[in-house]
N, C-alpha and C. Protein backbone atom coordinates (compact mmCIF):
# COMPACT_ATOMS: atom_id res chain seq x y z
N MET A 1 48.58 51.43 10.35
CA MET A 1 49.19 52.55 11.04
C MET A 1 48.50 52.79 12.38
N ILE A 2 49.29 53.00 13.41
CA ILE A 2 48.76 53.25 14.75
C ILE A 2 48.54 54.75 14.92
N ASN A 3 47.45 55.09 15.60
CA ASN A 3 47.23 56.49 15.95
C ASN A 3 47.11 56.61 17.47
N ALA A 4 47.00 57.85 17.96
CA ALA A 4 46.98 58.10 19.40
C ALA A 4 45.76 57.47 20.07
N GLU A 5 44.62 57.47 19.40
CA GLU A 5 43.42 56.86 19.98
C GLU A 5 43.61 55.36 20.18
N TRP A 6 44.29 54.71 19.26
CA TRP A 6 44.57 53.27 19.38
C TRP A 6 45.41 53.02 20.63
N VAL A 7 46.46 53.84 20.81
CA VAL A 7 47.33 53.69 21.98
C VAL A 7 46.54 53.96 23.26
N LYS A 8 45.76 55.02 23.27
CA LYS A 8 44.94 55.36 24.44
C LYS A 8 44.02 54.20 24.80
N ASN A 9 43.30 53.67 23.81
CA ASN A 9 42.38 52.56 24.06
C ASN A 9 43.11 51.33 24.56
N ARG A 10 44.30 51.09 24.04
CA ARG A 10 45.10 49.95 24.49
C ARG A 10 45.48 50.11 25.97
N CYS A 11 45.87 51.32 26.34
CA CYS A 11 46.20 51.60 27.75
C CYS A 11 44.99 51.35 28.65
N LEU A 12 43.85 51.85 28.22
CA LEU A 12 42.65 51.78 29.06
C LEU A 12 42.03 50.39 29.14
N THR A 13 42.47 49.46 28.29
CA THR A 13 41.97 48.08 28.40
C THR A 13 42.69 47.30 29.50
N LEU A 14 43.83 47.82 29.97
CA LEU A 14 44.57 47.15 31.04
C LEU A 14 43.85 47.38 32.37
N ASP A 15 43.92 46.41 33.26
CA ASP A 15 43.22 46.47 34.55
C ASP A 15 43.65 47.66 35.40
N ASP A 16 42.66 48.32 36.00
CA ASP A 16 42.86 49.40 36.98
C ASP A 16 43.60 50.62 36.43
N VAL A 17 43.55 50.85 35.13
CA VAL A 17 44.24 52.00 34.54
C VAL A 17 43.31 53.20 34.50
N SER A 18 43.86 54.36 34.85
CA SER A 18 43.11 55.61 34.77
C SER A 18 43.91 56.62 33.95
N GLU A 19 43.16 57.55 33.34
CA GLU A 19 43.77 58.58 32.50
C GLU A 19 43.76 59.91 33.24
N HIS A 20 44.86 60.66 33.12
CA HIS A 20 45.00 61.94 33.82
C HIS A 20 45.72 62.94 32.93
N PRO A 21 45.40 64.24 33.08
CA PRO A 21 46.18 65.26 32.37
C PRO A 21 47.61 65.25 32.89
N HIS A 22 48.56 65.49 32.01
CA HIS A 22 49.98 65.53 32.40
C HIS A 22 50.68 66.53 31.48
N PHE A 23 50.72 67.79 31.92
CA PHE A 23 51.22 68.88 31.10
C PHE A 23 50.41 68.92 29.80
N GLU A 24 51.06 68.89 28.64
CA GLU A 24 50.32 68.90 27.37
C GLU A 24 49.98 67.49 26.89
N LYS A 25 50.19 66.51 27.74
CA LYS A 25 49.98 65.10 27.38
C LYS A 25 48.88 64.49 28.25
N LYS A 26 48.64 63.22 28.03
CA LYS A 26 47.78 62.42 28.90
C LYS A 26 48.67 61.35 29.54
N ALA A 27 48.45 61.13 30.83
CA ALA A 27 49.20 60.10 31.56
C ALA A 27 48.26 58.95 31.88
N TYR A 28 48.81 57.76 31.89
CA TYR A 28 48.06 56.55 32.22
C TYR A 28 48.73 55.91 33.42
N LYS A 29 47.89 55.72 34.46
CA LYS A 29 48.40 55.24 35.74
C LYS A 29 47.76 53.92 36.13
N VAL A 30 48.53 53.12 36.83
CA VAL A 30 48.01 51.94 37.50
C VAL A 30 48.38 52.10 38.96
N ARG A 31 47.36 52.04 39.82
CA ARG A 31 47.56 52.24 41.26
C ARG A 31 48.35 53.51 41.55
N ASN A 32 47.98 54.56 40.86
CA ASN A 32 48.54 55.91 41.03
C ASN A 32 49.99 56.04 40.59
N LYS A 33 50.50 55.11 39.78
CA LYS A 33 51.87 55.18 39.26
C LYS A 33 51.81 55.27 37.74
N ILE A 34 52.43 56.30 37.18
CA ILE A 34 52.43 56.49 35.72
C ILE A 34 53.26 55.40 35.06
N PHE A 35 52.68 54.76 34.04
CA PHE A 35 53.44 53.80 33.24
C PHE A 35 53.53 54.25 31.79
N ALA A 36 52.70 55.22 31.39
CA ALA A 36 52.74 55.71 30.01
C ALA A 36 52.21 57.13 29.94
N THR A 37 52.76 57.89 29.00
CA THR A 37 52.18 59.18 28.64
C THR A 37 52.05 59.20 27.12
N ILE A 38 51.03 59.89 26.64
CA ILE A 38 50.82 60.02 25.20
C ILE A 38 50.81 61.49 24.83
N ASP A 39 51.57 61.82 23.80
CA ASP A 39 51.55 63.15 23.21
C ASP A 39 50.74 63.03 21.92
N PHE A 40 49.49 63.48 21.97
CA PHE A 40 48.58 63.33 20.85
C PHE A 40 49.01 64.16 19.64
N ASP A 41 49.71 65.27 19.87
CA ASP A 41 50.15 66.13 18.77
C ASP A 41 51.37 65.55 18.05
N LYS A 42 52.31 65.01 18.82
CA LYS A 42 53.55 64.50 18.24
C LYS A 42 53.47 63.02 17.85
N LEU A 43 52.32 62.39 18.13
CA LEU A 43 52.13 60.96 17.85
C LEU A 43 53.25 60.13 18.48
N SER A 44 53.46 60.38 19.77
CA SER A 44 54.48 59.64 20.49
C SER A 44 53.99 59.29 21.89
N MET A 45 54.66 58.33 22.47
CA MET A 45 54.35 57.95 23.85
C MET A 45 55.66 57.74 24.58
N SER A 46 55.60 57.90 25.89
CA SER A 46 56.74 57.61 26.76
C SER A 46 56.36 56.47 27.67
N LEU A 47 57.24 55.48 27.76
CA LEU A 47 56.99 54.31 28.59
C LEU A 47 58.17 54.11 29.53
N LYS A 48 57.87 53.62 30.73
CA LYS A 48 58.90 53.32 31.71
C LYS A 48 59.27 51.85 31.56
N LEU A 49 60.50 51.61 31.06
CA LEU A 49 60.96 50.25 30.81
C LEU A 49 62.21 49.94 31.65
N SER A 50 62.51 48.67 31.76
CA SER A 50 63.78 48.29 32.39
C SER A 50 64.91 48.68 31.43
N GLU A 51 66.11 48.73 31.95
CA GLU A 51 67.27 49.08 31.13
C GLU A 51 67.42 48.11 29.95
N ILE A 52 67.22 46.83 30.20
CA ILE A 52 67.35 45.82 29.15
C ILE A 52 66.25 46.00 28.11
N ASP A 53 65.00 46.15 28.55
CA ASP A 53 63.90 46.32 27.60
C ASP A 53 64.08 47.58 26.78
N GLN A 54 64.53 48.65 27.42
CA GLN A 54 64.78 49.90 26.69
C GLN A 54 65.80 49.67 25.58
N SER A 55 66.86 48.98 25.91
CA SER A 55 67.92 48.71 24.94
C SER A 55 67.40 47.88 23.76
N VAL A 56 66.61 46.88 24.06
CA VAL A 56 66.07 46.00 23.00
C VAL A 56 65.16 46.79 22.06
N PHE A 57 64.22 47.54 22.62
CA PHE A 57 63.29 48.29 21.77
C PHE A 57 64.02 49.36 20.96
N CYS A 58 64.99 50.03 21.56
CA CYS A 58 65.74 51.05 20.84
C CYS A 58 66.53 50.44 19.68
N ASP A 59 67.07 49.24 19.89
CA ASP A 59 67.81 48.56 18.82
C ASP A 59 66.89 48.09 17.70
N LEU A 60 65.65 47.77 18.03
CA LEU A 60 64.70 47.30 17.00
C LEU A 60 64.30 48.40 16.02
N LYS A 61 64.14 49.61 16.52
CA LYS A 61 63.67 50.72 15.67
C LYS A 61 64.42 52.02 15.99
N PRO A 62 65.71 52.07 15.69
CA PRO A 62 66.46 53.30 15.96
C PRO A 62 65.81 54.50 15.25
N GLY A 63 65.78 55.61 15.94
CA GLY A 63 65.19 56.81 15.37
C GLY A 63 63.70 56.93 15.63
N LYS A 64 63.04 55.82 15.89
CA LYS A 64 61.61 55.81 16.21
C LYS A 64 61.37 55.42 17.66
N VAL A 65 62.34 54.77 18.28
CA VAL A 65 62.30 54.41 19.70
C VAL A 65 63.65 54.80 20.27
N TYR A 66 63.63 55.63 21.32
CA TYR A 66 64.88 56.13 21.88
C TYR A 66 64.67 56.58 23.33
N PRO A 67 65.75 56.57 24.12
CA PRO A 67 65.63 57.01 25.52
C PRO A 67 65.22 58.48 25.59
N ALA A 68 64.44 58.81 26.60
CA ALA A 68 64.11 60.21 26.86
C ALA A 68 65.40 60.95 27.22
N ASN A 69 65.36 62.26 27.12
CA ASN A 69 66.54 63.08 27.42
C ASN A 69 66.95 62.98 28.89
N GLY A 70 68.25 63.05 29.12
CA GLY A 70 68.81 63.19 30.46
C GLY A 70 68.51 62.05 31.41
N ALA A 71 68.26 62.43 32.65
CA ALA A 71 68.04 61.45 33.72
C ALA A 71 66.81 60.60 33.47
N TRP A 72 65.80 61.18 32.81
CA TRP A 72 64.58 60.39 32.54
C TRP A 72 64.92 59.16 31.70
N GLY A 73 65.72 59.32 30.69
CA GLY A 73 66.12 58.19 29.84
C GLY A 73 66.94 57.17 30.60
N LYS A 74 67.80 57.66 31.50
CA LYS A 74 68.62 56.75 32.31
C LYS A 74 67.78 55.97 33.30
N GLN A 75 66.59 56.48 33.62
CA GLN A 75 65.68 55.77 34.52
C GLN A 75 64.77 54.81 33.76
N GLY A 76 64.93 54.72 32.45
CA GLY A 76 64.15 53.78 31.65
C GLY A 76 63.04 54.39 30.82
N TRP A 77 62.79 55.70 30.98
CA TRP A 77 61.73 56.32 30.18
C TRP A 77 62.17 56.35 28.72
N THR A 78 61.31 55.81 27.88
CA THR A 78 61.63 55.58 26.48
C THR A 78 60.54 56.18 25.60
N ILE A 79 60.96 56.92 24.57
CA ILE A 79 60.03 57.55 23.63
C ILE A 79 59.79 56.60 22.46
N PHE A 80 58.51 56.43 22.12
CA PHE A 80 58.10 55.64 20.96
C PHE A 80 57.33 56.56 20.02
N GLU A 81 57.85 56.80 18.82
CA GLU A 81 57.11 57.51 17.79
C GLU A 81 56.28 56.45 17.08
N PHE A 82 55.05 56.26 17.56
CA PHE A 82 54.30 55.05 17.25
C PHE A 82 53.64 55.01 15.87
N SER A 83 53.54 56.09 15.15
CA SER A 83 52.78 56.08 13.90
C SER A 83 53.37 55.13 12.85
N GLU A 84 54.66 54.84 12.95
CA GLU A 84 55.30 53.94 11.97
C GLU A 84 55.71 52.60 12.58
N LEU A 85 55.23 52.32 13.77
CA LEU A 85 55.59 51.06 14.44
C LEU A 85 54.48 50.04 14.28
N LYS A 86 54.85 48.78 14.36
CA LYS A 86 53.85 47.71 14.28
C LYS A 86 53.04 47.65 15.56
N PRO A 87 51.74 47.40 15.44
CA PRO A 87 50.88 47.33 16.63
C PRO A 87 51.38 46.34 17.67
N GLU A 88 51.91 45.20 17.23
CA GLU A 88 52.38 44.18 18.17
C GLU A 88 53.52 44.71 19.03
N MET A 89 54.42 45.47 18.41
CA MET A 89 55.56 46.02 19.14
C MET A 89 55.08 47.03 20.19
N VAL A 90 54.17 47.90 19.80
CA VAL A 90 53.65 48.91 20.72
C VAL A 90 52.89 48.24 21.86
N ALA A 91 52.07 47.25 21.53
CA ALA A 91 51.30 46.54 22.56
C ALA A 91 52.23 45.82 23.54
N ASP A 92 53.29 45.20 23.04
CA ASP A 92 54.25 44.51 23.91
C ASP A 92 54.95 45.50 24.84
N ALA A 93 55.37 46.64 24.30
CA ALA A 93 56.05 47.64 25.12
C ALA A 93 55.12 48.21 26.19
N LEU A 94 53.87 48.50 25.81
CA LEU A 94 52.90 49.00 26.79
C LEU A 94 52.69 48.00 27.92
N LYS A 95 52.55 46.75 27.58
CA LYS A 95 52.32 45.72 28.59
C LYS A 95 53.53 45.57 29.52
N LEU A 96 54.73 45.65 28.97
CA LEU A 96 55.93 45.58 29.81
C LEU A 96 55.98 46.75 30.79
N SER A 97 55.70 47.95 30.29
CA SER A 97 55.71 49.12 31.16
C SER A 97 54.65 49.00 32.25
N TYR A 98 53.47 48.57 31.87
CA TYR A 98 52.36 48.37 32.82
C TYR A 98 52.76 47.33 33.88
N ASP A 99 53.25 46.18 33.43
CA ASP A 99 53.64 45.11 34.36
C ASP A 99 54.75 45.56 35.31
N ASN A 100 55.74 46.29 34.78
CA ASN A 100 56.84 46.77 35.63
C ASN A 100 56.32 47.74 36.69
N SER A 101 55.46 48.64 36.29
CA SER A 101 54.90 49.61 37.25
C SER A 101 54.03 48.94 38.29
N LEU A 102 53.25 48.00 37.87
CA LEU A 102 52.38 47.26 38.78
C LEU A 102 53.20 46.44 39.77
N ALA A 103 54.24 45.77 39.28
CA ALA A 103 55.09 44.96 40.15
C ALA A 103 55.80 45.82 41.19
N LYS A 104 56.28 46.98 40.80
CA LYS A 104 56.97 47.87 41.75
C LYS A 104 56.00 48.36 42.80
N LYS A 105 54.78 48.66 42.41
CA LYS A 105 53.79 49.16 43.37
C LYS A 105 53.42 48.06 44.36
N ILE A 106 53.29 46.84 43.90
CA ILE A 106 52.94 45.73 44.77
C ILE A 106 54.07 45.47 45.77
N LYS A 107 55.32 45.53 45.33
CA LYS A 107 56.46 45.31 46.21
C LYS A 107 56.52 46.36 47.32
N LEU A 108 56.10 47.59 47.01
CA LEU A 108 56.13 48.66 47.99
C LEU A 108 55.02 48.55 49.01
N SER A 109 53.96 47.84 48.68
CA SER A 109 52.81 47.74 49.59
C SER A 109 53.09 46.87 50.79
């Protein structure tokens, strides 16, 4: 079973990642761009994914992985209720979100 500390540690093992307060959550940034937030109370995380990746992850675990409400979900923000998910799935999703955020930041530079 995955817990919030596992997810936090996984985020912080990625290169150049920093942790910041984000409302009642913690945000994880690479080059000042958020790629993940963790809600320690709800045992969930939000990740910024491509439309295709969001669709794939949501299809794999309906009810445990789903688009965020409204415009956020349409932009790729995806909620993962991680306590019942396999570590490999969570790690893959985190890495995709990190890589996507990093690639966008590099293109803008």
